[in-house]
Amino acid sequence: MASPLHDQVKSYYSSLESTAALQTSAACSALSRPLSPGIQQALTLIHPEVSKRFFGCGLVAPEKLKGCSVLDLGSGSGRDCYVLSRLVGEDGHVTGIDMTEDLIQASRKYVKYHQERFGFAEPNTEFVHGYMEKLSDAGIGDDSLDVVVSNCVICLCPDKRAVLSEAYRVLKIGGELYFSDIYANEVVLSPSNWTQCSGVKEWVELGFSTPRLVAASRIDVHNPELQTKAGKIKYASGTYRAFKLPQQSIRNKALVTYKGTVPDCAEGFDLDASNSFKVNVCVEVDAEMAAILQYTRFSPDFLLQMTEKPDPKLSSVQQYCNLSPFLLADRLGSYVKQCSKINTGSSE
């Protein structure tokens, strides 16, 4: 299903030998959310050659992954997959999919290395060649995964609806889509700037819960040539999470209390930029949040008591859940100085 754009992106990333070879100066290397101790430790165990060929943005790893089955869309050198491999543990499994054969072959070289480095009896990581728009062709079945992640790759895909639809298909009920990407504040029309800091501009309703913004950073384009191409268009990186919930599962608001049991979140758990739960503090949540806390892997971490209050916002998109990455980045005062996106193109 390769298109000219797919071929262009594959050719570019196949040609790169290290992060230093990237041909752009605006991207998402800064982190707008601190890495947990578990992630920091996992990063120290990654093979240097894997890290050297990492061309993504920050690191995308949601909380509480032990025992989970995880799929990384656009796995590249495999760095994020190996970090996730450590986090899911021996009882979990991580699959990386990428359309660039060279990167798949390179990442496969280090499966045994990381298995031994992590002290696992058997490898729990695999890499498959394929397209994120057609996961079935790579043998990824319906309702088979707990978590799907992606690290600034969906913005390089011409059919973003297909990617989100496939992610929904392969997730189990209660599963999560957790990804970072790059966004423009208006439609980018220039064909000569297709993949430079482009991103998914709108969410498509495919059955997911309301997307919830987790973190964001403004992108500072400081290369004069790219500034000229960008004009007045502004860019930001954003991390979102959305869940595959039972349809019409909960209609009323609920009272919830966080137990302090999510790993590395003993004092509090920030589900997104607008919802922070402090340990042993009871708060009222809307119906959708109640469903998230009841039907996902976070269910054991909360005490939940349903109320008799119907949720009037149930049929509408809640503004605080659709918080713009530009607004959040301004609120946090965070900027990204360096880029890992290809300097040849853009998207809407």
C-alpha atoms as a PDB file:
ATOM      1  CA  MET A   1       0.000   0.000   0.000  1.00  0.00           C
ATOM      2  CA  ALA A   2       3.044   2.241  -0.272  1.00  0.00           C
ATOM      3  CA  SER A   3       2.330   5.723  -1.619  1.00  0.00           C
ATOM      4  CA  PRO A   4       4.903   8.241  -2.931  1.00  0.00           C
ATOM      5  CA  LEU A   5       4.814   9.870   0.511  1.00  0.00           C
ATOM      6  CA  HIS A   6       5.467   6.543   2.247  1.00  0.00           C
ATOM      7  CA  ASP A   7       8.425   5.965  -0.065  1.00  0.00           C
ATOM      8  CA  GLN A   8       9.777   9.442   0.607  1.00  0.00           C
ATOM      9  CA  VAL A   9       9.616   9.016   4.383  1.00  0.00           C
ATOM     10  CA  LYS A  10      11.131   5.514   4.230  1.00  0.00           C
ATOM     11  CA  SER A  11      14.000   6.750   2.057  1.00  0.00           C
ATOM     12  CA  TYR A  12      14.742   9.609   4.432  1.00  0.00           C
ATOM     13  CA  TYR A  13      14.787   7.604   7.643  1.00  0.00           C
ATOM     14  CA  SER A  14      16.718   4.743   6.043  1.00  0.00           C
ATOM     15  CA  SER A  15      19.456   7.222   5.121  1.00  0.00           C
ATOM     16  CA  LEU A  16      19.963   8.477   8.677  1.00  0.00           C
ATOM     17  CA  GLU A  17      22.783   6.953  10.700  1.00  0.00           C
ATOM     18  CA  SER A  18      22.220   8.909  13.910  1.00  0.00           C
ATOM     19  CA  THR A  19      20.095  11.628  15.468  1.00  0.00           C
ATOM     20  CA  ALA A  20      22.850  14.105  14.610  1.00  0.00           C
ATOM     21  CA  ALA A  21      22.076  13.611  10.905  1.00  0.00           C
ATOM     22  CA  LEU A  22      18.526  14.997  11.160  1.00  0.00           C
ATOM     23  CA  GLN A  23      17.992  17.842   8.733  1.00  0.00           C
ATOM     24  CA  THR A  24      15.717  20.114  10.695  1.00  0.00           C
ATOM     25  CA  SER A  25      15.748  22.461  13.613  1.00  0.00           C
ATOM     26  CA  ALA A  26      12.250  22.303  15.019  1.00  0.00           C
ATOM     27  CA  ALA A  27      10.929  19.282  16.866  1.00  0.00           C
ATOM     28  CA  CYS A  28      10.024  17.594  20.072  1.00  0.00           C
ATOM     29  CA  SER A  29      13.112  16.559  21.949  1.00  0.00           C
ATOM     30  CA  ALA A  30      12.123  18.387  25.129  1.00  0.00           C
ATOM     31  CA  LEU A  31       9.826  16.743  27.637  1.00  0.00           C
ATOM     32  CA  SER A  32       6.811  18.617  28.971  1.00  0.00           C
ATOM     33  CA  ARG A  33       6.132  15.871  31.542  1.00  0.00           C
ATOM     34  CA  PRO A  34       8.839  14.411  33.808  1.00  0.00           C
ATOM     35  CA  LEU A  35       9.897  10.825  33.180  1.00  0.00           C
ATOM     36  CA  SER A  36       9.065   8.391  35.978  1.00  0.00           C
ATOM     37  CA  PRO A  37      11.902   6.662  37.859  1.00  0.00           C
ATOM     38  CA  GLY A  38      10.988   3.396  36.147  1.00  0.00           C
ATOM     39  CA  ILE A  39      11.353   4.921  32.688  1.00  0.00           C
ATOM     40  CA  GLN A  40      14.587   6.675  33.601  1.00  0.00           C
ATOM     41  CA  GLN A  41      16.073   3.394  34.793  1.00  0.00           C
ATOM     42  CA  ALA A  42      14.941   1.560  31.644  1.00  0.00           C
ATOM     43  CA  LEU A  43      16.592   4.193  29.442  1.00  0.00           C
ATOM     44  CA  THR A  44      19.965   3.536  31.067  1.00  0.00           C
ATOM     45  CA  LEU A  45      19.758  -0.105  29.939  1.00  0.00           C
ATOM     46  CA  ILE A  46      19.091   0.548  26.240  1.00  0.00           C
ATOM     47  CA  HIS A  47      21.855  -0.435  23.811  1.00  0.00           C
ATOM     48  CA  PRO A  48      23.767   2.671  22.593  1.00  0.00           C
ATOM     49  CA  GLU A  49      23.230   1.809  18.912  1.00  0.00           C
ATOM     50  CA  VAL A  50      19.464   1.707  19.437  1.00  0.00           C
ATOM     51  CA  SER A  51      19.482   5.119  21.113  1.00  0.00           C
ATOM     52  CA  LYS A  52      21.799   6.492  18.417  1.00  0.00           C
ATOM     53  CA  ARG A  53      19.236   5.768  15.683  1.00  0.00           C
ATOM     54  CA  PHE A  54      16.238   7.045  17.629  1.00  0.00           C
ATOM     55  CA  PHE A  55      14.480   9.755  15.595  1.00  0.00           C
ATOM     56  CA  GLY A  56      11.287  10.217  17.610  1.00  0.00           C
ATOM     57  CA  CYS A  57      10.083  12.856  20.042  1.00  0.00           C
ATOM     58  CA  GLY A  58      10.645  12.488  23.768  1.00  0.00           C
ATOM     59  CA  LEU A  59       9.324   9.172  25.062  1.00  0.00           C
ATOM     60  CA  VAL A  60       5.757   7.870  25.007  1.00  0.00           C
ATOM     61  CA  ALA A  61       5.022   5.489  27.885  1.00  0.00           C
ATOM     62  CA  PRO A  62       1.783   5.642  29.898  1.00  0.00           C
ATOM     63  CA  GLU A  63       1.544   4.489  33.486  1.00  0.00           C
ATOM     64  CA  LYS A  64       0.984   0.984  34.858  1.00  0.00           C
ATOM     65  CA  LEU A  65       2.142  -1.225  31.994  1.00  0.00           C
ATOM     66  CA  LYS A  66       3.252  -4.348  33.891  1.00  0.00           C
ATOM     67  CA  GLY A  67       1.773  -7.423  32.235  1.00  0.00           C
ATOM     68  CA  CYS A  68       0.288  -5.455  29.336  1.00  0.00           C
ATOM     69  CA  SER A  69       0.376  -6.278  25.626  1.00  0.00           C
ATOM     70  CA  VAL A  70       1.572  -3.131  23.831  1.00  0.00           C
ATOM     71  CA  LEU A  71       1.869  -2.086  20.177  1.00  0.00           C
ATOM     72  CA  ASP A  72       4.184   0.754  19.091  1.00  0.00           C
ATOM     73  CA  LEU A  73       3.101   2.364  15.802  1.00  0.00           C
ATOM     74  CA  GLY A  74       6.182   3.456  13.857  1.00  0.00           C
ATOM     75  CA  SER A  75       8.732   1.758  16.118  1.00  0.00           C
ATOM     76  CA  GLY A  76      11.826   2.989  14.234  1.00  0.00           C
ATOM     77  CA  SER A  77      15.065   1.874  15.881  1.00  0.00           C
ATOM     78  CA  GLY A  78      13.113   0.128  18.645  1.00  0.00           C
ATOM     79  CA  ARG A  79      14.157   2.390  21.504  1.00  0.00           C
ATOM     80  CA  ASP A  80      10.660   2.995  22.841  1.00  0.00           C
ATOM     81  CA  CYS A  81       9.789  -0.687  22.379  1.00  0.00           C
ATOM     82  CA  TYR A  82      12.718  -1.759  24.511  1.00  0.00           C
ATOM     83  CA  VAL A  83      11.821   0.746  27.231  1.00  0.00           C
ATOM     84  CA  LEU A  84       8.251  -0.561  27.124  1.00  0.00           C
ATOM     85  CA  SER A  85       9.622  -4.127  27.190  1.00  0.00           C
ATOM     86  CA  ARG A  86      11.254  -3.383  30.519  1.00  0.00           C
ATOM     87  CA  LEU A  87       8.074  -1.761  31.867  1.00  0.00           C
ATOM     88  CA  VAL A  88       5.657  -4.545  30.865  1.00  0.00           C
ATOM     89  CA  GLY A  89       7.958  -7.184  32.370  1.00  0.00           C
ATOM     90  CA  GLU A  90       8.243 -10.872  31.529  1.00  0.00           C
ATOM     91  CA  ASP A  91       4.475 -11.377  31.626  1.00  0.00           C
ATOM     92  CA  GLY A  92       3.867  -8.604  29.101  1.00  0.00           C
ATOM     93  CA  HIS A  93       4.603  -8.337  25.413  1.00  0.00           C
ATOM     94  CA  VAL A  94       5.636  -5.505  23.084  1.00  0.00           C
ATOM     95  CA  THR A  95       5.257  -5.406  19.302  1.00  0.00           C
ATOM     96  CA  GLY A  96       6.826  -2.705  17.159  1.00  0.00           C
ATOM     97  CA  ILE A  97       5.601  -2.077  13.629  1.00  0.00           C
ATOM     98  CA  ASP A  98       7.380   0.073  11.067  1.00  0.00           C
ATOM     99  CA  MET A  99       7.222   0.439   7.288  1.00  0.00           C
ATOM    100  CA  THR A 100      10.993   0.956   6.985  1.00  0.00           C
ATOM    101  CA  GLU A 101      12.601  -2.444   6.504  1.00  0.00           C
ATOM    102  CA  ASP A 102      16.087  -1.197   7.381  1.00  0.00           C
ATOM    103  CA  LEU A 103      14.922   0.006  10.792  1.00  0.00           C
ATOM    104  CA  ILE A 104      13.029  -3.225  11.471  1.00  0.00           C
ATOM    105  CA  GLN A 105      16.135  -5.270  10.711  1.00  0.00           C
ATOM    106  CA  ALA A 106      18.284  -2.965  12.859  1.00  0.00           C
ATOM    107  CA  SER A 107      15.916  -3.139  15.843  1.00  0.00           C
ATOM    108  CA  ARG A 108      15.658  -6.954  15.676  1.00  0.00           C
ATOM    109  CA  LYS A 109      19.406  -7.267  16.255  1.00  0.00           C
ATOM    110  CA  TYR A 110      19.031  -6.254  19.888  1.00  0.00           C
ATOM    111  CA  VAL A 111      16.089  -8.393  21.060  1.00  0.00           C
ATOM    112  CA  LYS A 112      18.318 -10.934  22.787  1.00  0.00           C
ATOM    113  CA  TYR A 113      20.606  -8.197  24.155  1.00  0.00           C
ATOM    114  CA  HIS A 114      17.736  -6.478  25.971  1.00  0.00           C
ATOM    115  CA  GLN A 115      16.187  -9.757  27.100  1.00  0.00           C
ATOM    116  CA  GLU A 116      19.445 -10.603  28.879  1.00  0.00           C
ATOM    117  CA  ARG A 117      19.988  -7.022  30.043  1.00  0.00           C
ATOM    118  CA  PHE A 118      16.559  -7.008  31.710  1.00  0.00           C
ATOM    119  CA  GLY A 119      17.083 -10.494  33.191  1.00  0.00           C
ATOM    120  CA  PHE A 120      14.134 -12.068  31.335  1.00  0.00           C
ATOM    121  CA  ALA A 121      14.075 -15.823  30.723  1.00  0.00           C
ATOM    122  CA  GLU A 122      12.481 -15.313  27.283  1.00  0.00           C
ATOM    123  CA  PRO A 123      12.270 -12.320  24.921  1.00  0.00           C
ATOM    124  CA  ASN A 124       9.033 -10.331  25.171  1.00  0.00           C
ATOM    125  CA  THR A 125       9.612  -8.012  22.193  1.00  0.00           C
ATOM    126  CA  GLU A 126       9.085  -8.492  18.457  1.00  0.00           C
ATOM    127  CA  PHE A 127       9.284  -6.238  15.408  1.00  0.00           C
ATOM    128  CA  VAL A 128       7.111  -6.602  12.315  1.00  0.00           C
ATOM    129  CA  HIS A 129       7.324  -4.894   8.945  1.00  0.00           C
ATOM    130  CA  GLY A 130       4.067  -3.229   7.905  1.00  0.00           C
ATOM    131  CA  TYR A 131       1.892  -0.143   7.730  1.00  0.00           C
ATOM    132  CA  MET A 132      -0.012   1.334  10.642  1.00  0.00           C
ATOM    133  CA  GLU A 133      -2.964   1.964   8.325  1.00  0.00           C
ATOM    134  CA  LYS A 134      -3.314  -1.804   7.753  1.00  0.00           C
ATOM    135  CA  LEU A 135      -2.375  -3.632  10.943  1.00  0.00           C
ATOM    136  CA  SER A 136      -4.329  -6.727   9.840  1.00  0.00           C
ATOM    137  CA  ASP A 137      -1.780  -7.303   7.068  1.00  0.00           C
ATOM    138  CA  ALA A 138       0.879  -7.587   9.796  1.00  0.00           C
ATOM    139  CA  GLY A 139      -1.167 -10.220  11.625  1.00  0.00           C
ATOM    140  CA  ILE A 140      -2.441  -8.013  14.450  1.00  0.00           C
ATOM    141  CA  GLY A 141      -5.899  -9.231  15.380  1.00  0.00           C
ATOM    142  CA  ASP A 142      -9.075  -7.662  16.736  1.00  0.00           C
ATOM    143  CA  ASP A 143      -9.313  -6.898  20.470  1.00  0.00           C
ATOM    144  CA  SER A 144      -5.801  -8.233  21.101  1.00  0.00           C
ATOM    145  CA  LEU A 145      -3.935  -5.360  22.808  1.00  0.00           C
ATOM    146  CA  ASP A 146      -4.053  -3.473  26.083  1.00  0.00           C
ATOM    147  CA  VAL A 147      -2.208  -0.346  24.891  1.00  0.00           C
ATOM    148  CA  VAL A 148      -1.302   1.208  21.538  1.00  0.00           C
ATOM    149  CA  VAL A 149       1.356   3.949  21.553  1.00  0.00           C
ATOM    150  CA  SER A 150       2.912   6.162  18.898  1.00  0.00           C
ATOM    151  CA  ASN A 151       5.713   8.686  19.122  1.00  0.00           C
ATOM    152  CA  CYS A 152       5.370  11.514  16.577  1.00  0.00           C
ATOM    153  CA  VAL A 153       4.724   9.194  13.625  1.00  0.00           C
ATOM    154  CA  ILE A 154       1.012   9.521  12.829  1.00  0.00           C
ATOM    155  CA  CYS A 155       1.771  13.023  11.531  1.00  0.00           C
ATOM    156  CA  LEU A 156       3.768  11.383   8.709  1.00  0.00           C
ATOM    157  CA  CYS A 157       0.841   9.222   7.612  1.00  0.00           C
ATOM    158  CA  PRO A 158      -1.416  10.445   4.765  1.00  0.00           C
ATOM    159  CA  ASP A 159      -4.499   8.534   6.043  1.00  0.00           C
ATOM    160  CA  LYS A 160      -4.770   9.368   9.734  1.00  0.00           C
ATOM    161  CA  ARG A 161      -8.363   8.176  10.014  1.00  0.00           C
ATOM    162  CA  ALA A 162      -7.246   4.693   8.949  1.00  0.00           C
ATOM    163  CA  VAL A 163      -4.558   4.693  11.646  1.00  0.00           C
ATOM    164  CA  LEU A 164      -7.001   5.635  14.411  1.00  0.00           C
ATOM    165  CA  SER A 165      -9.577   3.132  13.111  1.00  0.00           C
ATOM    166  CA  GLU A 166      -7.017   0.331  13.154  1.00  0.00           C
ATOM    167  CA  ALA A 167      -5.859   1.297  16.646  1.00  0.00           C
ATOM    168  CA  TYR A 168      -9.454   1.073  17.855  1.00  0.00           C
ATOM    169  CA  ARG A 169      -9.951  -2.305  16.181  1.00  0.00           C
ATOM    170  CA  VAL A 170      -6.934  -3.990  17.775  1.00  0.00           C
ATOM    171  CA  LEU A 171      -7.529  -2.668  21.302  1.00  0.00           C
ATOM    172  CA  LYS A 172      -9.410  -4.687  23.879  1.00  0.00           C
ATOM    173  CA  ILE A 173     -12.352  -3.122  25.691  1.00  0.00           C
ATOM    174  CA  GLY A 174     -10.686  -0.983  28.351  1.00  0.00           C
ATOM    175  CA  GLY A 175      -7.587  -0.553  26.183  1.00  0.00           C
ATOM    176  CA  GLU A 176      -5.804   2.738  25.601  1.00  0.00           C
ATOM    177  CA  LEU A 177      -4.412   4.725  22.688  1.00  0.00           C
ATOM    178  CA  TYR A 178      -1.601   6.933  24.009  1.00  0.00           C
ATOM    179  CA  PHE A 179       0.388   9.026  21.565  1.00  0.00           C
ATOM    180  CA  SER A 180       2.392  12.168  20.967  1.00  0.00           C
ATOM    181  CA  ASP A 181       2.279  14.113  17.745  1.00  0.00           C
ATOM    182  CA  ILE A 182       2.853  17.515  16.200  1.00  0.00           C
ATOM    183  CA  TYR A 183       0.058  19.985  15.466  1.00  0.00           C
ATOM    184  CA  ALA A 184      -0.336  23.118  13.355  1.00  0.00           C
ATOM    185  CA  ASN A 185      -2.672  25.938  14.375  1.00  0.00           C
ATOM    186  CA  GLU A 186      -4.060  26.087  10.835  1.00  0.00           C
ATOM    187  CA  VAL A 187      -4.185  23.905   7.740  1.00  0.00           C
ATOM    188  CA  VAL A 188      -0.765  23.548   6.145  1.00  0.00           C
ATOM    189  CA  LEU A 189      -1.099  23.801   2.376  1.00  0.00           C
ATOM    190  CA  SER A 190       2.468  24.065   1.109  1.00  0.00           C
ATOM    191  CA  PRO A 191       3.351  20.834  -0.762  1.00  0.00           C
ATOM    192  CA  SER A 192       7.053  21.591  -0.306  1.00  0.00           C
ATOM    193  CA  ASN A 193       6.762  21.314   3.470  1.00  0.00           C
ATOM    194  CA  TRP A 194       4.689  18.127   3.855  1.00  0.00           C
ATOM    195  CA  THR A 195       6.230  16.391   6.841  1.00  0.00           C
ATOM    196  CA  GLN A 196       7.968  19.233   8.663  1.00  0.00           C
ATOM    197  CA  CYS A 197       6.234  19.385  12.019  1.00  0.00           C
ATOM    198  CA  SER A 198       2.866  18.390  10.646  1.00  0.00           C
ATOM    199  CA  GLY A 199       0.186  16.680  12.684  1.00  0.00           C
ATOM    200  CA  VAL A 200      -3.316  15.428  13.121  1.00  0.00           C
ATOM    201  CA  LYS A 201      -5.467  18.542  13.235  1.00  0.00           C
ATOM    202  CA  GLU A 202      -8.784  16.974  14.175  1.00  0.00           C
ATOM    203  CA  TRP A 203      -9.920  13.913  16.092  1.00  0.00           C
ATOM    204  CA  VAL A 204     -12.205  11.570  14.199  1.00  0.00           C
ATOM    205  CA  GLU A 205     -15.036   9.983  16.118  1.00  0.00           C
ATOM    206  CA  LEU A 206     -14.403   6.246  15.866  1.00  0.00           C
ATOM    207  CA  GLY A 207     -15.693   5.037  19.198  1.00  0.00           C
ATOM    208  CA  PHE A 208     -12.892   6.207  21.471  1.00  0.00           C
ATOM    209  CA  SER A 209     -13.574   8.135  24.658  1.00  0.00           C
ATOM    210  CA  THR A 210     -13.059  11.892  24.478  1.00  0.00           C
ATOM    211  CA  PRO A 211      -9.330  12.503  23.782  1.00  0.00           C
ATOM    212  CA  ARG A 212      -7.573  13.855  26.860  1.00  0.00           C
ATOM    213  CA  LEU A 213      -4.529  16.068  26.577  1.00  0.00           C
ATOM    214  CA  VAL A 214      -1.703  14.871  28.820  1.00  0.00           C
ATOM    215  CA  ALA A 215       1.203  17.205  27.985  1.00  0.00           C
ATOM    216  CA  ALA A 216       2.224  19.819  25.414  1.00  0.00           C
ATOM    217  CA  SER A 217       5.106  22.031  24.272  1.00  0.00           C
ATOM    218  CA  ARG A 218       5.346  24.891  21.818  1.00  0.00           C
ATOM    219  CA  ILE A 219       7.755  24.249  18.950  1.00  0.00           C
ATOM    220  CA  ASP A 220      10.248  27.012  18.295  1.00  0.00           C
ATOM    221  CA  VAL A 221      11.292  27.006  14.629  1.00  0.00           C
ATOM    222  CA  HIS A 222      14.647  28.797  14.571  1.00  0.00           C
ATOM    223  CA  ASN A 223      15.997  27.750  11.169  1.00  0.00           C
ATOM    224  CA  PRO A 224      15.569  30.814   8.857  1.00  0.00           C
ATOM    225  CA  GLU A 225      14.601  28.706   5.832  1.00  0.00           C
ATOM    226  CA  LEU A 226      11.947  26.815   7.787  1.00  0.00           C
ATOM    227  CA  GLN A 227      10.673  30.062   9.319  1.00  0.00           C
ATOM    228  CA  THR A 228      10.084  31.400   5.813  1.00  0.00           C
ATOM    229  CA  LYS A 229       8.212  28.246   4.786  1.00  0.00           C
ATOM    230  CA  ALA A 230       6.127  28.212   7.968  1.00  0.00           C
ATOM    231  CA  GLY A 231       5.109  31.860   7.698  1.00  0.00           C
ATOM    232  CA  LYS A 232       2.577  32.654  10.407  1.00  0.00           C
ATOM    233  CA  ILE A 233       1.764  29.004  11.120  1.00  0.00           C
ATOM    234  CA  LYS A 234       2.577  27.916  14.676  1.00  0.00           C
ATOM    235  CA  TYR A 235       3.402  24.385  15.809  1.00  0.00           C
ATOM    236  CA  ALA A 236       3.134  22.474  19.071  1.00  0.00           C
ATOM    237  CA  SER A 237       3.718  18.932  20.256  1.00  0.00           C
ATOM    238  CA  GLY A 238       0.939  17.275  22.224  1.00  0.00           C
ATOM    239  CA  THR A 239       0.430  13.962  24.002  1.00  0.00           C
ATOM    240  CA  TYR A 240      -3.112  12.581  24.119  1.00  0.00           C
ATOM    241  CA  ARG A 241      -4.761   9.506  25.563  1.00  0.00           C
ATOM    242  CA  ALA A 242      -8.111   7.964  24.665  1.00  0.00           C
ATOM    243  CA  PHE A 243      -9.784   4.733  25.767  1.00  0.00           C
ATOM    244  CA  LYS A 244     -11.929   2.040  24.171  1.00  0.00           C
ATOM    245  CA  LEU A 245     -14.849   1.808  26.585  1.00  0.00           C
ATOM    246  CA  PRO A 246     -18.035  -0.256  26.597  1.00  0.00           C
ATOM    247  CA  GLN A 247     -20.712   1.652  24.730  1.00  0.00           C
ATOM    248  CA  GLN A 248     -23.070   3.595  27.016  1.00  0.00           C
ATOM    249  CA  SER A 249     -21.409   1.986  30.015  1.00  0.00           C
ATOM    250  CA  ILE A 250     -22.039   4.671  32.646  1.00  0.00           C
ATOM    251  CA  ARG A 251     -24.619   7.471  32.550  1.00  0.00           C
ATOM    252  CA  ASN A 252     -24.197   9.156  35.942  1.00  0.00           C
ATOM    253  CA  LYS A 253     -21.485  11.012  37.779  1.00  0.00           C
ATOM    254  CA  ALA A 254     -19.449   9.196  40.417  1.00  0.00           C
ATOM    255  CA  LEU A 255     -17.357   9.771  43.534  1.00  0.00           C
ATOM    256  CA  VAL A 256     -13.839   8.371  43.225  1.00  0.00           C
ATOM    257  CA  THR A 257     -10.890   8.047  45.602  1.00  0.00           C
ATOM    258  CA  TYR A 258      -7.359   7.295  44.438  1.00  0.00           C
ATOM    259  CA  LYS A 259      -5.599   4.593  46.483  1.00  0.00           C
ATOM    260  CA  GLY A 260      -2.037   5.640  45.643  1.00  0.00           C
ATOM    261  CA  THR A 261      -1.245   2.296  43.992  1.00  0.00           C
ATOM    262  CA  VAL A 262      -0.233   3.260  40.433  1.00  0.00           C
ATOM    263  CA  PRO A 263       3.553   2.634  40.214  1.00  0.00           C
ATOM    264  CA  ASP A 264       5.645   5.803  40.653  1.00  0.00           C
ATOM    265  CA  CYS A 265       2.469   7.733  41.582  1.00  0.00           C
ATOM    266  CA  ALA A 266       2.232   7.212  45.348  1.00  0.00           C
ATOM    267  CA  GLU A 267       1.111  10.751  46.200  1.00  0.00           C
ATOM    268  CA  GLY A 268      -1.127  11.406  43.229  1.00  0.00           C
ATOM    269  CA  PHE A 269      -2.027  10.307  39.712  1.00  0.00           C
ATOM    270  CA  ASP A 270      -2.349  12.780  36.815  1.00  0.00           C
ATOM    271  CA  LEU A 271      -4.532  11.067  34.241  1.00  0.00           C
ATOM    272  CA  ASP A 272      -4.305  14.146  32.031  1.00  0.00           C
ATOM    273  CA  ALA A 273      -3.551  17.861  32.249  1.00  0.00           C
ATOM    274  CA  SER A 274      -6.990  18.586  33.741  1.00  0.00           C
ATOM    275  CA  ASN A 275      -7.539  15.591  36.009  1.00  0.00           C
ATOM    276  CA  SER A 276      -5.200  15.066  38.943  1.00  0.00           C
ATOM    277  CA  PHE A 277      -6.177  12.625  41.694  1.00  0.00           C
ATOM    278  CA  LYS A 278      -4.556  12.966  45.115  1.00  0.00           C
ATOM    279  CA  VAL A 279      -4.246   9.889  47.299  1.00  0.00           C
ATOM    280  CA  ASN A 280      -7.185   9.310  49.676  1.00  0.00           C
ATOM    281  CA  VAL A 281      -9.052  12.418  48.448  1.00  0.00           C
ATOM    282  CA  CYS A 282     -12.623  11.799  47.285  1.00  0.00           C
ATOM    283  CA  VAL A 283     -13.700  13.802  44.212  1.00  0.00           C
ATOM    284  CA  GLU A 284     -16.706  13.847  41.921  1.00  0.00           C
ATOM    285  CA  VAL A 285     -16.108  12.938  38.272  1.00  0.00           C
ATOM    286  CA  ASP A 286     -18.248  12.960  35.149  1.00  0.00           C
ATOM    287  CA  ALA A 287     -19.738   9.806  33.629  1.00  0.00           C
ATOM    288  CA  GLU A 288     -16.991   9.268  31.075  1.00  0.00           C
ATOM    289  CA  MET A 289     -14.217   9.596  33.645  1.00  0.00           C
ATOM    290  CA  ALA A 290     -16.116   7.186  35.873  1.00  0.00           C
ATOM    291  CA  ALA A 291     -16.174   4.702  32.984  1.00  0.00           C
ATOM    292  CA  ILE A 292     -12.443   5.145  32.411  1.00  0.00           C
ATOM    293  CA  LEU A 293     -11.698   4.469  36.066  1.00  0.00           C
ATOM    294  CA  GLN A 294     -14.012   1.452  36.161  1.00  0.00           C
ATOM    295  CA  TYR A 295     -13.236  -0.369  32.895  1.00  0.00           C
ATOM    296  CA  THR A 296      -9.528   0.231  32.230  1.00  0.00           C
ATOM    297  CA  ARG A 297      -6.370  -1.137  33.868  1.00  0.00           C
ATOM    298  CA  PHE A 298      -6.639   1.667  36.438  1.00  0.00           C
ATOM    299  CA  SER A 299      -9.779   0.161  37.978  1.00  0.00           C
ATOM    300  CA  PRO A 300      -7.984  -1.510  40.943  1.00  0.00           C
ATOM    301  CA  ASP A 301      -6.383   1.822  41.845  1.00  0.00           C
ATOM    302  CA  PHE A 302      -9.636   3.656  42.636  1.00  0.00           C
ATOM    303  CA  LEU A 303     -12.591   3.331  44.938  1.00  0.00           C
ATOM    304  CA  LEU A 304     -15.670   4.255  42.898  1.00  0.00           C
ATOM    305  CA  GLN A 305     -19.151   5.053  44.151  1.00  0.00           C
ATOM    306  CA  MET A 306     -21.872   5.846  41.636  1.00  0.00           C
ATOM    307  CA  THR A 307     -24.213   8.768  42.345  1.00  0.00           C
ATOM    308  CA  GLU A 308     -27.761   9.352  41.161  1.00  0.00           C
ATOM    309  CA  LYS A 309     -26.721  12.508  39.311  1.00  0.00           C
ATOM    310  CA  PRO A 310     -27.152  12.188  35.515  1.00  0.00           C
ATOM    311  CA  ASP A 311     -24.269  13.698  33.550  1.00  0.00           C
ATOM    312  CA  PRO A 312     -25.699  16.515  31.341  1.00  0.00           C
ATOM    313  CA  LYS A 313     -22.444  16.648  29.323  1.00  0.00           C
ATOM    314  CA  LEU A 314     -22.557  12.980  28.388  1.00  0.00           C
ATOM    315  CA  SER A 315     -23.606  13.599  24.794  1.00  0.00           C
ATOM    316  CA  SER A 316     -21.234  16.509  24.174  1.00  0.00           C
ATOM    317  CA  VAL A 317     -17.501  16.889  23.845  1.00  0.00           C
ATOM    318  CA  GLN A 318     -16.166  18.353  27.073  1.00  0.00           C
ATOM    319  CA  GLN A 319     -13.976  21.371  26.480  1.00  0.00           C
ATOM    320  CA  TYR A 320     -11.422  20.624  29.170  1.00  0.00           C
ATOM    321  CA  CYS A 321     -10.769  17.214  27.599  1.00  0.00           C
ATOM    322  CA  ASN A 322     -10.133  18.807  24.199  1.00  0.00           C
ATOM    323  CA  LEU A 323      -7.699  21.386  25.572  1.00  0.00           C
ATOM    324  CA  SER A 324      -5.548  22.739  22.753  1.00  0.00           C
ATOM    325  CA  PRO A 325      -1.854  21.791  22.937  1.00  0.00           C
ATOM    326  CA  PHE A 326      -1.097  25.448  22.155  1.00  0.00           C
ATOM    327  CA  LEU A 327      -3.052  26.655  25.201  1.00  0.00           C
ATOM    328  CA  LEU A 328      -1.535  24.053  27.487  1.00  0.00           C
ATOM    329  CA  ALA A 329       2.011  24.774  26.256  1.00  0.00           C
ATOM    330  CA  ASP A 330       1.486  28.478  26.941  1.00  0.00           C
ATOM    331  CA  ARG A 331       0.161  27.661  30.402  1.00  0.00           C
ATOM    332  CA  LEU A 332       3.174  25.473  31.157  1.00  0.00           C
ATOM    333  CA  GLY A 333       5.623  27.866  29.526  1.00  0.00           C
ATOM    334  CA  SER A 334       7.262  24.969  27.700  1.00  0.00           C
ATOM    335  CA  TYR A 335       9.082  25.221  24.392  1.00  0.00           C
ATOM    336  CA  VAL A 336      10.844  22.694  22.201  1.00  0.00           C
ATOM    337  CA  LYS A 337      14.120  23.783  20.630  1.00  0.00           C
ATOM    338  CA  GLN A 338      15.171  20.900  18.375  1.00  0.00           C
ATOM    339  CA  CYS A 339      13.433  18.769  15.766  1.00  0.00           C
ATOM    340  CA  SER A 340      13.345  15.193  14.541  1.00  0.00           C
ATOM    341  CA  LYS A 341      10.914  15.559  11.672  1.00  0.00           C
ATOM    342  CA  ILE A 342      11.868  15.293   8.047  1.00  0.00           C
ATOM    343  CA  ASN A 343      12.518  18.597   6.191  1.00  0.00           C
ATOM    344  CA  THR A 344      10.671  17.830   2.974  1.00  0.00           C
ATOM    345  CA  GLY A 345       7.012  18.234   3.305  1.00  0.00           C
ATOM    346  CA  SER A 346       3.489  19.022   5.655  1.00  0.00           C
ATOM    347  CA  SER A 347      -0.035  17.879   6.447  1.00  0.00           C
ATOM    348  CA  GLU A 348      -3.385  19.169   7.500  1.00  0.00           C
END
